[in-house]
Protein backbone atom coordinates (compact mmCIF):
# COMPACT_ATOMS: atom_id res chain seq x y z
CA MET A 1 48.78 92.10 79.91
CA ALA A 2 48.13 94.17 83.00
CA VAL A 3 44.73 95.29 83.89
CA PRO A 4 44.17 99.09 83.06
CA GLY A 5 43.20 99.87 86.66
CA VAL A 6 46.51 98.11 87.89
CA ARG A 7 48.56 99.78 85.25
CA VAL A 8 47.33 103.35 86.58
CA LEU A 9 48.56 102.45 90.01
CA ALA A 10 51.77 101.07 88.79
CA ARG A 11 52.71 104.21 87.00
CA GLY A 12 54.92 106.73 88.97
CA SER A 13 53.38 109.65 87.11
CA THR A 14 50.02 108.95 88.93
CA TYR A 15 51.64 109.63 92.29
CA LEU A 16 53.52 112.73 91.11
CA ARG A 17 50.18 113.99 89.73
CA TRP A 18 48.61 113.20 93.04
CA VAL A 19 51.22 115.40 94.99
CA TYR A 20 50.80 118.14 92.56
CA LEU A 21 46.89 118.06 93.45
CA LEU A 22 47.76 117.84 97.25
CA LEU A 23 49.66 121.06 96.92
CA GLY A 24 46.56 122.50 95.51
CA ALA A 25 44.48 121.00 98.47
CA ALA A 26 46.90 122.67 100.81
CA LEU A 27 46.41 125.98 99.35
CA VAL A 28 42.65 125.68 99.39
CA LEU A 29 42.91 124.58 103.12
CA ALA A 30 44.57 127.95 103.78
CA PHE A 31 42.03 129.98 102.02
CA LEU A 32 39.33 128.19 104.08
CA LEU A 33 40.99 128.96 107.22
CA VAL A 34 40.79 132.59 106.32
CA GLU A 35 37.27 132.40 105.25
CA SER A 36 36.29 130.64 108.52
CA ALA A 37 37.89 133.38 110.39
CA LEU A 38 36.10 136.04 108.54
CA GLY A 39 32.82 134.21 108.86
CA ALA A 40 33.33 134.32 112.73
CA LEU A 41 33.98 138.01 112.38
CA VAL A 42 30.80 138.65 110.49
CA GLN A 43 28.91 136.71 113.06
CA ASP A 44 30.28 138.70 116.04
CA LEU A 45 29.63 141.83 114.21
CA ASN A 46 25.84 141.03 113.74
CA ALA A 47 26.14 142.12 110.16
CA PRO A 48 23.25 141.34 107.69
CA LYS A 49 23.27 137.74 106.30
CA ILE A 50 23.63 139.16 102.72
CA LEU A 51 26.66 140.87 103.61
CA GLY A 52 28.14 138.07 105.31
CA VAL A 53 27.58 135.90 102.42
CA LEU A 54 28.97 138.54 99.96
CA LEU A 55 32.19 139.06 102.10
CA ILE A 56 32.70 135.16 102.43
CA ALA A 57 32.29 134.92 98.52
CA ILE A 58 34.68 137.66 97.92
CA VAL A 59 37.24 135.98 100.27
CA VAL A 60 36.72 132.85 98.46
CA ALA A 61 37.16 134.05 94.83
CA ALA A 62 39.23 136.97 95.20
CA PRO A 63 42.68 135.88 96.82
CA PRO A 64 43.01 132.91 94.28
CA VAL A 65 42.44 135.20 91.22
CA VAL A 66 44.56 138.02 92.48
CA LEU A 67 47.30 135.63 93.57
CA GLY A 68 47.38 133.98 90.26
CA LEU A 69 47.85 137.52 88.58
CA LEU A 70 51.34 137.89 90.04
CA PRO A 71 54.20 137.28 87.54
CA ALA A 72 56.11 134.85 89.58
CA VAL A 73 53.22 132.49 89.91
CA ARG A 74 53.50 131.36 86.24
CA GLU A 75 57.24 130.52 86.87
CA VAL A 76 56.49 128.58 90.07
CA GLU A 77 53.41 126.69 88.35
CA GLY A 78 55.68 125.97 85.30
CA ILE A 79 58.24 124.27 87.40
CA ALA A 80 55.67 122.35 89.24
CA VAL A 81 53.80 121.41 86.11
CA GLU A 82 57.06 120.21 84.39
CA SER A 83 58.27 118.19 87.55
CA LEU A 84 54.94 116.76 88.71
CA LEU A 85 52.62 116.51 85.61
CA GLY A 86 55.42 115.62 83.21
CA VAL A 87 54.66 118.51 80.83
CA ARG A 88 57.23 120.13 78.42
CA PHE A 89 56.76 123.58 77.38
CA ASP A 90 58.04 125.17 74.06
CA GLU A 91 59.40 127.92 76.30
CA ARG A 92 61.92 126.40 78.60
CA PRO A 93 62.13 127.20 81.41
CA LEU A 94 58.79 129.01 81.75
CA GLY A 95 59.44 132.54 82.91
CA PRO A 96 57.42 135.05 84.84
CA ALA A 97 54.27 136.40 83.23
CA ARG A 98 55.42 139.38 81.07
CA THR A 99 52.06 140.46 79.79
CA TRP A 100 48.59 140.90 81.11
CA ALA A 101 47.28 138.13 78.74
CA GLN A 102 49.94 135.60 80.35
CA ARG A 103 48.67 136.86 83.80
CA ARG A 104 45.17 136.29 82.98
CA ARG A 105 45.78 132.80 81.75
CA THR A 106 47.96 131.95 84.73
CA SER A 107 45.14 133.12 87.20
CA LEU A 108 42.87 130.86 85.57
CA TRP A 109 45.22 127.98 85.67
CA PHE A 110 46.00 128.74 89.36
CA VAL A 111 42.15 128.64 89.94
CA LEU A 112 41.90 125.27 88.09
CA HIS A 113 44.74 123.83 90.15
CA LEU A 114 42.90 124.81 93.43
CA ILE A 115 39.40 123.31 92.20
CA ALA A 116 41.00 120.15 91.07
CA GLY A 117 43.33 120.04 94.10
CA GLY A 118 40.34 120.67 96.49
CA LEU A 119 38.31 117.72 95.02
CA THR A 120 41.15 115.48 95.35
CA GLY A 121 41.76 116.48 98.86
CA VAL A 122 38.15 115.93 99.98
CA VAL A 123 38.06 112.67 98.19
CA ALA A 124 41.52 111.66 99.94
CA SER A 125 40.36 112.66 103.29
CA ILE A 126 36.85 110.96 103.07
CA ALA A 127 38.53 107.69 101.72
CA VAL A 128 41.21 107.41 104.55
CA ALA A 129 38.86 108.21 107.30
CA MET A 130 36.15 105.58 106.06
CA ALA A 131 39.16 103.03 105.15
CA VAL A 132 40.58 103.42 108.81
CA ILE A 133 36.70 102.99 110.22
CA LEU A 134 35.89 100.01 108.24
CA VAL A 135 39.02 98.23 108.67
CA ALA A 136 38.60 98.64 112.38
CA ALA A 137 34.87 97.58 112.18
CA PRO A 138 35.11 93.92 113.01
CA PHE A 139 36.99 94.62 116.25
CA ARG A 140 34.29 97.04 117.65
CA ALA A 141 31.58 95.97 119.94
CA PRO A 142 28.13 95.37 118.71
CA GLY A 143 25.78 98.25 118.20
CA LYS A 144 25.26 101.40 116.30
CA HIS A 145 28.49 103.36 115.16
CA GLU A 146 28.85 106.61 113.53
CA ILE A 147 31.18 106.82 110.70
CA LEU A 148 30.48 110.43 109.48
CA PRO A 149 27.93 112.98 110.96
CA ASP A 150 24.59 111.57 110.18
CA ILE A 151 25.85 108.34 108.76
CA THR A 152 25.83 105.37 110.98
CA TYR A 153 26.35 101.53 110.68
CA THR A 154 25.31 98.79 112.95
CA THR A 155 27.58 95.93 113.78
CA GLY A 156 26.14 92.50 114.83
CA GLY A 157 29.23 90.92 116.13
CA SER A 158 33.10 91.09 116.25
CA TRP A 159 33.52 89.03 113.08
CA GLY A 160 30.14 89.43 111.42
CA ASP A 161 31.30 92.49 109.31
CA ILE A 162 34.69 90.95 108.19
CA TRP A 163 33.94 92.18 104.70
CA MET A 164 34.39 95.71 105.73
CA PRO A 165 38.26 95.94 105.93
CA PHE A 166 38.20 94.85 102.18
CA VAL A 167 35.87 97.62 101.32
CA GLY A 168 37.74 99.98 103.35
CA LEU A 169 41.09 99.00 101.55
CA ALA A 170 39.40 99.34 98.36
CA LEU A 171 38.71 102.95 99.05
CA ILE A 172 42.37 103.82 99.27
CA PRO A 173 43.13 103.57 95.43
CA LEU A 174 40.07 105.83 94.60
CA GLN A 175 42.07 109.05 95.55
CA PHE A 176 44.99 107.83 93.10
CA TYR A 177 42.50 106.99 90.25
CA LEU A 178 40.88 110.46 90.74
CA ALA A 179 44.43 112.09 90.73
CA ALA A 180 45.32 110.27 87.47
CA GLY A 181 42.06 111.56 85.88
CA PHE A 182 42.51 115.05 86.95
CA GLY A 183 46.31 114.94 86.23
CA ALA A 184 45.71 113.72 82.69
CA VAL A 185 43.28 116.64 82.11
CA LEU A 186 45.35 119.30 83.48
CA ALA A 187 48.64 117.95 81.65
CA ARG A 188 46.61 118.28 78.36
CA TRP A 189 45.47 121.90 79.33
CA ALA A 190 48.73 123.00 80.69
CA PRO A 191 50.52 123.90 77.35
CA ARG A 192 47.43 125.85 76.15
CA VAL A 193 46.74 127.82 79.32
CA LEU A 194 50.25 128.39 80.74
CA GLY A 195 52.39 127.78 77.70
CA PRO A 196 52.77 130.68 75.11
CA THR A 197 50.12 131.67 72.73
CA PRO A 198 50.68 131.16 68.93
CA ALA A 199 51.66 134.86 68.81
CA GLU A 200 54.31 134.06 71.54
CA ARG A 201 55.36 131.03 69.77
CA ILE A 202 56.14 133.18 66.75
CA GLU A 203 58.04 135.69 68.67
CA LEU A 204 60.00 132.88 70.62
CA LEU A 205 60.86 131.17 67.06
CA GLU A 206 62.04 134.58 65.79
CA ARG A 207 64.28 135.05 68.97
CA ARG A 208 65.71 131.56 68.42
CA THR A 209 66.22 132.16 64.66
CA ALA A 210 68.09 135.40 65.50
CA THR A 211 70.14 133.71 68.02
CA LEU A 212 71.10 130.80 65.70
CA ALA A 213 72.06 133.27 63.03
CA GLU A 214 74.19 135.25 65.44
CA ARG A 215 75.99 132.10 66.49
CA ASN A 216 76.59 131.03 62.97
CA ARG A 217 78.02 134.33 62.35
CA LEU A 218 80.34 134.13 65.18
CA ALA A 219 81.26 130.71 64.31
CA ARG A 220 82.15 131.99 60.82
CA GLU A 221 84.29 134.71 62.36
CA LEU A 222 86.14 132.19 64.68
CA HIS A 223 86.80 129.83 61.68
CA ASP A 224 88.06 132.48 59.32
CA SER A 225 90.26 134.43 61.85
CA VAL A 226 91.70 131.78 63.98
CA GLY A 227 91.91 129.31 61.11
CA HIS A 228 93.89 131.50 58.96
CA ALA A 229 96.11 132.59 61.89
CA LEU A 230 96.74 128.83 62.73
CA SER A 231 97.41 128.19 58.85
CA LEU A 232 99.95 130.92 58.73
CA VAL A 233 101.55 129.84 61.93
CA THR A 234 102.04 126.26 60.69
CA LEU A 235 103.41 127.42 57.40
CA GLN A 236 105.80 129.96 59.08
CA ALA A 237 106.89 127.49 61.78
CA GLY A 238 107.79 124.86 59.10
CA ALA A 239 109.48 127.40 56.87
CA ALA A 240 111.57 128.54 59.97
CA ARG A 241 112.48 125.23 60.82
CA ARG A 242 113.90 124.30 57.25
CA VAL A 243 116.06 127.35 57.24
CA LEU A 244 117.13 127.94 60.67
CA ALA A 245 120.58 126.79 60.09
CA THR A 246 121.26 128.30 56.74
CA ASP A 247 119.17 131.54 56.82
CA PRO A 248 118.75 132.69 60.32
CA ALA A 249 117.52 136.08 59.31
CA PHE A 250 114.50 134.64 57.35
CA ALA A 251 113.71 132.22 60.40
CA GLU A 252 113.87 135.33 62.64
CA ASN A 253 111.29 136.93 60.27
CA ALA A 254 109.03 133.91 60.15
CA LEU A 255 109.03 133.81 64.03
CA ALA A 256 108.05 137.54 64.24
CA ALA A 257 105.21 136.90 61.74
CA MET A 258 104.29 133.82 63.73
CA GLU A 259 103.92 136.19 66.87
CA THR A 260 101.83 138.82 64.75
CA SER A 261 99.61 136.21 63.55
CA ALA A 262 99.01 134.70 66.74
CA ARG A 263 98.36 138.05 68.50
CA ALA A 264 95.85 138.90 65.80
CA ALA A 265 94.11 135.70 66.22
CA LEU A 266 93.86 136.38 70.01
CA ALA A 267 92.39 139.74 69.58
CA ASP A 268 89.77 138.24 67.05
CA LEU A 269 88.97 135.52 69.59
CA ASP A 270 88.50 138.06 72.49
CA HIS A 271 86.32 140.02 70.35
CA VAL A 272 84.13 136.93 69.45
CA LEU A 273 84.10 135.73 73.14
CA GLY A 274 83.17 139.33 74.09
CA LEU A 275 79.83 139.09 72.10
CA LEU A 276 79.18 135.53 73.33
CA ARG A 277 79.69 136.56 76.83
CA ASP A 278 76.17 137.11 78.44
CA ASP A 279 77.41 139.11 81.46
CA ARG A 280 79.38 141.52 79.22
CA ARG A 281 78.80 145.02 80.66
CA GLU A 282 76.99 147.48 78.41
CA GLY A 283 79.51 149.81 76.79
CA SER A 284 82.43 147.67 77.48
CA ALA A 285 85.17 147.65 74.67
CA THR A 286 85.79 144.98 72.26
CA ALA A 287 88.43 144.91 69.55
CA PRO A 288 87.28 146.54 66.08
CA GLN A 289 86.62 144.17 63.27
CA SER A 290 89.23 144.04 60.48
CA THR A 291 88.16 145.81 57.11
CA LEU A 292 89.83 145.92 53.81
CA GLY A 293 91.76 148.92 55.40
CA ASP A 294 93.88 146.06 57.05
CA LEU A 295 94.50 144.17 53.77
CA THR A 296 98.25 145.10 53.99
CA ARG A 297 98.83 143.66 57.27
CA LEU A 298 96.91 140.44 56.22
CA VAL A 299 99.18 140.26 53.00
CA ASP A 300 102.40 141.14 54.84
CA ALA A 301 101.73 138.28 57.46
CA THR A 302 100.87 135.87 54.41
CA ARG A 303 104.20 136.82 52.75
CA ALA A 304 106.20 136.38 55.77
CA GLY A 305 105.59 132.58 55.44
CA GLY A 306 107.33 132.59 52.05
CA ILE A 307 104.09 132.78 49.99
CA THR A 308 104.08 135.11 47.09
CA VAL A 309 101.06 137.42 46.95
CA VAL A 310 100.59 139.60 44.15
CA VAL A 311 97.73 142.15 44.95
CA ARG A 312 95.92 144.60 42.41
CA CYS A 313 93.68 147.13 43.67
CA GLU A 314 91.35 149.50 41.57
CA GLY A 315 89.00 151.92 43.10
CA ASP A 316 88.96 153.74 46.56
CA LEU A 317 88.19 150.96 49.01
CA ASP A 318 87.54 153.61 51.75
CA ASP A 319 84.31 154.34 49.96
CA LEU A 320 82.96 150.93 50.96
CA PRO A 321 80.31 150.65 53.54
CA ALA A 322 81.75 149.19 56.70
CA ALA A 323 79.76 145.97 56.62
CA VAL A 324 80.80 145.14 53.03
CA SER A 325 84.33 145.94 53.75
CA ARG A 326 84.46 143.76 56.80
CA GLU A 327 82.92 140.77 55.06
CA ALA A 328 85.21 141.36 51.97
CA TYR A 329 88.23 141.13 54.38
CA ARG A 330 86.99 137.75 55.81
CA ILE A 331 86.62 136.58 52.36
CA VAL A 332 89.96 137.39 51.18
CA GLN A 333 91.30 136.05 54.44
CA GLU A 334 89.43 132.55 53.90
CA GLY A 335 90.60 132.61 50.47
CA LEU A 336 94.12 132.76 51.43
CA THR A 337 93.81 130.18 54.24
CA ASN A 338 92.26 127.85 51.65
CA ALA A 339 95.31 128.42 49.41
CA ILE A 340 97.88 127.79 52.04
CA ARG A 341 95.98 124.65 53.56
CA HIS A 342 95.61 122.87 50.15
CA ALA A 343 99.21 123.64 49.08
CA GLY A 344 100.64 121.07 51.29
CA HIS A 345 104.49 120.94 51.19
CA ARG A 346 104.44 123.07 48.01
CA ALA A 347 103.42 126.11 50.06
CA ASP A 348 106.99 127.53 49.75
CA ASP A 349 106.46 127.79 45.88
CA LEU A 350 102.88 129.11 46.41
CA ALA A 351 101.90 132.20 44.39
CA VAL A 352 98.64 133.79 44.93
CA ASP A 353 97.22 136.65 42.60
CA LEU A 354 94.61 138.75 44.29
CA SER A 355 92.54 141.28 42.30
CA ILE A 356 90.24 143.82 44.06
CA ILE A 357 88.17 146.06 41.85
CA LEU A 358 85.65 148.48 42.93
CA ASP A 359 83.57 150.24 40.36
CA ALA A 360 80.11 151.33 39.45
CA SER A 361 79.12 147.57 38.94
CA GLY A 362 80.15 146.68 42.62
CA LEU A 363 82.93 145.08 44.40
CA ARG A 364 84.76 142.23 42.58
CA LEU A 365 87.31 139.88 44.23
CA GLU A 366 89.15 137.25 42.59
CA MET A 367 91.82 135.16 43.82
CA CYS A 368 94.02 132.63 41.76
CA ASN A 369 96.67 130.10 42.80
CA PRO A 370 98.08 126.92 41.29
CA VAL A 371 96.84 123.56 42.02
CA HIS A 372 99.42 120.81 42.02
CA GLY A 373 98.88 117.13 41.81
CA PRO A 374 98.53 114.63 44.77
CA THR A 375 100.22 117.05 47.12
CA SER A 376 97.33 119.49 47.10
CA SER A 377 94.50 117.07 47.61
CA ARG A 378 91.81 118.95 49.55
CA THR A 379 91.28 117.18 52.86
CA SER A 380 89.53 119.63 54.63
CA GLY A 381 85.75 119.70 55.71
CA GLY A 382 84.98 122.36 53.14
CA ARG A 383 83.69 124.62 55.76
CA GLY A 384 85.71 127.66 54.30
CA LEU A 385 84.08 127.79 51.03
CA ALA A 386 80.79 127.37 52.63
CA GLY A 387 81.45 130.19 55.07
CA ILE A 388 82.35 132.25 52.14
CA ARG A 389 79.08 131.50 50.29
CA GLU A 390 77.14 132.30 53.42
CA ARG A 391 78.64 135.83 53.65
CA VAL A 392 78.06 136.59 49.94
CA GLU A 393 74.41 135.38 50.24
CA VAL A 394 73.81 137.69 53.09
CA LEU A 395 75.12 140.65 50.94
CA ARG A 396 73.20 139.41 47.98
CA GLY A 397 76.20 138.82 45.79
CA THR A 398 77.38 135.95 43.64
CA VAL A 399 80.29 133.49 44.26
CA GLY A 400 82.27 131.18 41.95
CA ALA A 401 84.85 128.67 42.74
CA GLY A 402 86.42 125.94 40.87
CA LEU A 403 89.51 124.31 39.00
CA ILE A 404 90.66 125.65 35.68
CA PRO A 405 92.47 122.75 34.13
CA ARG A 406 95.84 123.58 32.47
CA GLU A 407 96.12 122.60 28.98
CA ASP A 408 99.95 122.76 28.56
CA THR A 409 102.10 121.03 31.15
CA SER A 410 105.88 121.82 31.01
CA PRO A 411 108.41 118.99 31.88
CA GLY A 412 108.83 118.98 35.78
CA ASP A 413 105.70 120.99 36.47
CA ASP A 414 103.05 118.98 38.08
CA ALA A 415 100.55 121.78 38.30
CA VAL A 416 97.23 120.52 37.17
CA GLY A 417 95.53 123.79 37.01
CA THR A 418 94.44 126.99 38.66
CA TRP A 419 92.12 127.30 41.41
CA ARG A 420 90.01 130.36 40.98
CA LEU A 421 87.66 132.18 43.38
CA ALA A 422 85.56 135.02 42.26
CA VAL A 423 83.17 137.02 44.18
CA THR A 424 81.11 139.89 43.27
CA LEU A 425 79.26 142.09 45.85
CA PRO A 426 76.72 144.59 44.90
CA VAL A 427 77.51 147.85 46.69
CA ALA A 428 76.29 151.58 46.58
CA ILE A 429 79.35 153.54 46.79
CA THR A 430 79.18 156.58 49.26
CA LYS A 431 82.05 159.07 49.26
CA ASN A 432 84.03 159.42 52.52
CA PRO A 433 82.84 162.81 53.96
CA SER A 434 86.32 163.82 55.44
CA LYS A 435 87.87 163.08 51.78
CA ALA A 436 85.20 165.14 50.15
CA ARG A 437 85.88 168.27 52.22
CA GLY A 438 89.67 167.85 51.62
């Protein structure tokens, strides 16, 4: 087991903290040079002694306090504290002081840094000076010798004071022990003084929560739009390959649908990346998000892959709020994607019944498709259904999804049941003003 004192000297953090304190000592020296110049000026002017003392006190106290109020000092001190004291702040990186409360606390920290650094610098200077003198003591001629002003020692011979070098060398670690102690205290105080206050931590947590929520929303957008497009392209490519020689017209239609689906996915991807791009200029255009008004395009692209989609709509979907219409479109899109993805090689025979009803009770979406045997085993990660539930939860609706077993099975029909997705969204219907005027 290492001796505690030796363990302190063996730690790299001790010397990093010593460097941090020496930076404070260098700043103290700069302030002292200004103070000495002002003191000389006061003496030349023959000003009253009380005025001189007052001016010197102002010079000693005011510059560190005023300098600590600068916003950038918090950022610079934060970098130094993290790098040299080994402190980790909740807010990383520690930015400039944005409020007067942060400026005041930064000024306090700056003054503490100067005090601790000044004391460390004084001890280091004295320890090094005395160590040099004591190490050289045995080699000096007998007599009285001055170590510091008003401090002398007497040597009796060249080797009579052989113990002095050992004492001198023992003084060197003193500055590092002091630096370790001051550094430990400052490292403990740094998060409280330089770091965010409890109110600022709450604000920071709220910002992080909002950022995570936005990232999750954008992840759902990418999953729904790009995932749907890739599922369609895969299905359409397989259908075109199988009938390329026997039905070129159908293959050409499938390839055109693939192009349309890919272009739509690229437009959605560009929209999401535009939201994620930090350097996006204010007012720059991004592609509008799809709503239930674009349902025809979505259904036509799905049908181009050979899938039968039967749509039944009741109510005027133009009366839906834009936010509800956008989320409902994504829910339908994800429902079709799941139906395609889990159909396997039976996708050519897939038939989907889609019902969209808007009335006084809200918006109801229902999607049903047959589920076959081993060919339709669900091998995905299940993110699609989780994304639907998240969208519905935001709109305070309800969602139900599950397999309805089939009771009567015809010979040669391996359908084991019907997969049903049912979503209800409460919505207050507002009439379209332009339609009301017409």
